[in-house]
Amino acid sequence: MHNFFEGLMEFHFLQNALVSAVVIGAVAGILGCFIILRGMS
């Protein structure tokens, strides 16, 4: 597990990928809850 985080810190594109994945995951979660609560599905 420690090697995984060392790899993330070594390559800049992996840092960008991690940040993008976290942001997209958060936005998708919020948007999904909003859609379900509004009854749009």
N, C-alpha and C. Protein backbone atom coordinates (compact mmCIF):
# COMPACT_ATOMS: atom_id res chain seq x y z
N MET A 1 0.83 -1.19 0.00
CA MET A 1 0.00 0.00 0.00
C MET A 1 0.87 1.26 0.00
N HIS A 2 1.98 1.19 0.72
CA HIS A 2 2.88 2.33 0.78
C HIS A 2 3.48 2.62 -0.60
N ASN A 3 3.78 1.58 -1.36
CA ASN A 3 4.34 1.76 -2.70
C ASN A 3 3.34 2.45 -3.63
N PHE A 4 2.06 2.20 -3.40
CA PHE A 4 1.02 2.84 -4.22
C PHE A 4 1.08 4.36 -4.06
N PHE A 5 1.18 4.82 -2.81
CA PHE A 5 1.21 6.26 -2.57
C PHE A 5 2.54 6.88 -3.02
N GLU A 6 3.62 6.11 -2.95
CA GLU A 6 4.89 6.61 -3.47
C GLU A 6 4.79 6.81 -4.98
N GLY A 7 4.12 5.90 -5.66
CA GLY A 7 3.91 6.03 -7.10
C GLY A 7 3.08 7.25 -7.44
N LEU A 8 2.09 7.54 -6.61
CA LEU A 8 1.25 8.72 -6.86
C LEU A 8 2.06 10.00 -6.73
N MET A 9 2.97 10.04 -5.78
CA MET A 9 3.76 11.25 -5.57
C MET A 9 4.88 11.38 -6.60
N GLU A 10 5.22 10.28 -7.25
CA GLU A 10 6.33 10.31 -8.20
C GLU A 10 5.92 10.88 -9.55
N PHE A 11 4.72 10.56 -10.00
CA PHE A 11 4.27 10.98 -11.33
C PHE A 11 3.18 12.03 -11.21
N HIS A 12 3.36 13.12 -11.96
CA HIS A 12 2.41 14.23 -11.88
C HIS A 12 1.06 13.83 -12.47
N PHE A 13 1.05 13.04 -13.54
CA PHE A 13 -0.22 12.68 -14.17
C PHE A 13 -1.06 11.78 -13.26
N LEU A 14 -0.42 11.02 -12.37
CA LEU A 14 -1.18 10.21 -11.42
C LEU A 14 -1.82 11.08 -10.35
N GLN A 15 -1.14 12.16 -9.98
CA GLN A 15 -1.75 13.10 -9.03
C GLN A 15 -2.98 13.75 -9.66
N ASN A 16 -2.86 14.13 -10.93
CA ASN A 16 -4.01 14.72 -11.63
C ASN A 16 -5.15 13.73 -11.73
N ALA A 17 -4.84 12.47 -12.01
CA ALA A 17 -5.87 11.45 -12.13
C ALA A 17 -6.57 11.23 -10.80
N LEU A 18 -5.83 11.23 -9.71
CA LEU A 18 -6.42 11.03 -8.38
C LEU A 18 -7.33 12.19 -8.02
N VAL A 19 -6.88 13.41 -8.25
CA VAL A 19 -7.71 14.58 -7.95
C VAL A 19 -8.97 14.57 -8.81
N SER A 20 -8.83 14.24 -10.09
CA SER A 20 -9.98 14.19 -10.98
C SER A 20 -10.98 13.14 -10.52
N ALA A 21 -10.50 11.97 -10.13
CA ALA A 21 -11.39 10.90 -9.68
C ALA A 21 -12.15 11.30 -8.43
N VAL A 22 -11.48 11.96 -7.50
CA VAL A 22 -12.14 12.39 -6.26
C VAL A 22 -13.20 13.45 -6.56
N VAL A 23 -12.88 14.41 -7.41
CA VAL A 23 -13.84 15.47 -7.74
C VAL A 23 -15.04 14.90 -8.48
N ILE A 24 -14.80 14.04 -9.47
CA ILE A 24 -15.89 13.45 -10.23
C ILE A 24 -16.77 12.58 -9.33
N GLY A 25 -16.14 11.83 -8.45
CA GLY A 25 -16.91 11.00 -7.52
C GLY A 25 -17.79 11.83 -6.61
N ALA A 26 -17.27 12.93 -6.10
CA ALA A 26 -18.06 13.79 -5.22
C ALA A 26 -19.22 14.44 -5.97
N VAL A 27 -18.95 14.94 -7.16
CA VAL A 27 -20.00 15.59 -7.95
C VAL A 27 -21.07 14.58 -8.34
N ALA A 28 -20.67 13.38 -8.74
CA ALA A 28 -21.64 12.35 -9.12
C ALA A 28 -22.50 11.94 -7.93
N GLY A 29 -21.91 11.84 -6.76
CA GLY A 29 -22.68 11.50 -5.57
C GLY A 29 -23.70 12.56 -5.22
N ILE A 30 -23.29 13.81 -5.25
CA ILE A 30 -24.20 14.91 -4.93
C ILE A 30 -25.31 15.00 -5.97
N LEU A 31 -24.94 14.91 -7.24
CA LEU A 31 -25.92 15.00 -8.32
C LEU A 31 -26.90 13.83 -8.27
N GLY A 32 -26.40 12.64 -7.97
CA GLY A 32 -27.27 11.47 -7.87
C GLY A 32 -28.28 11.62 -6.75
N CYS A 33 -27.84 12.08 -5.60
CA CYS A 33 -28.77 12.31 -4.48
C CYS A 33 -29.80 13.36 -4.84
N PHE A 34 -29.37 14.42 -5.49
CA PHE A 34 -30.30 15.48 -5.89
C PHE A 34 -31.36 14.95 -6.84
N ILE A 35 -30.94 14.16 -7.82
CA ILE A 35 -31.88 13.62 -8.81
C ILE A 35 -32.88 12.67 -8.15
N ILE A 36 -32.39 11.81 -7.27
CA ILE A 36 -33.29 10.87 -6.59
C ILE A 36 -34.28 11.62 -5.69
N LEU A 37 -33.80 12.60 -4.94
CA LEU A 37 -34.68 13.33 -4.03
C LEU A 37 -35.71 14.18 -4.78
N ARG A 38 -35.35 14.67 -5.95
CA ARG A 38 -36.28 15.46 -6.74
C ARG A 38 -37.26 14.57 -7.52
N GLY A 39 -36.99 13.28 -7.58
CA GLY A 39 -37.87 12.36 -8.30
C GLY A 39 -37.75 12.46 -9.80
N MET A 40 -36.56 12.81 -10.28
CA MET A 40 -36.37 12.99 -11.71
C MET A 40 -36.04 11.68 -12.44
N SER A 41 -35.80 10.62 -11.70
CA SER A 41 -35.41 9.39 -12.38
C SER A 41 -36.62 8.57 -12.79
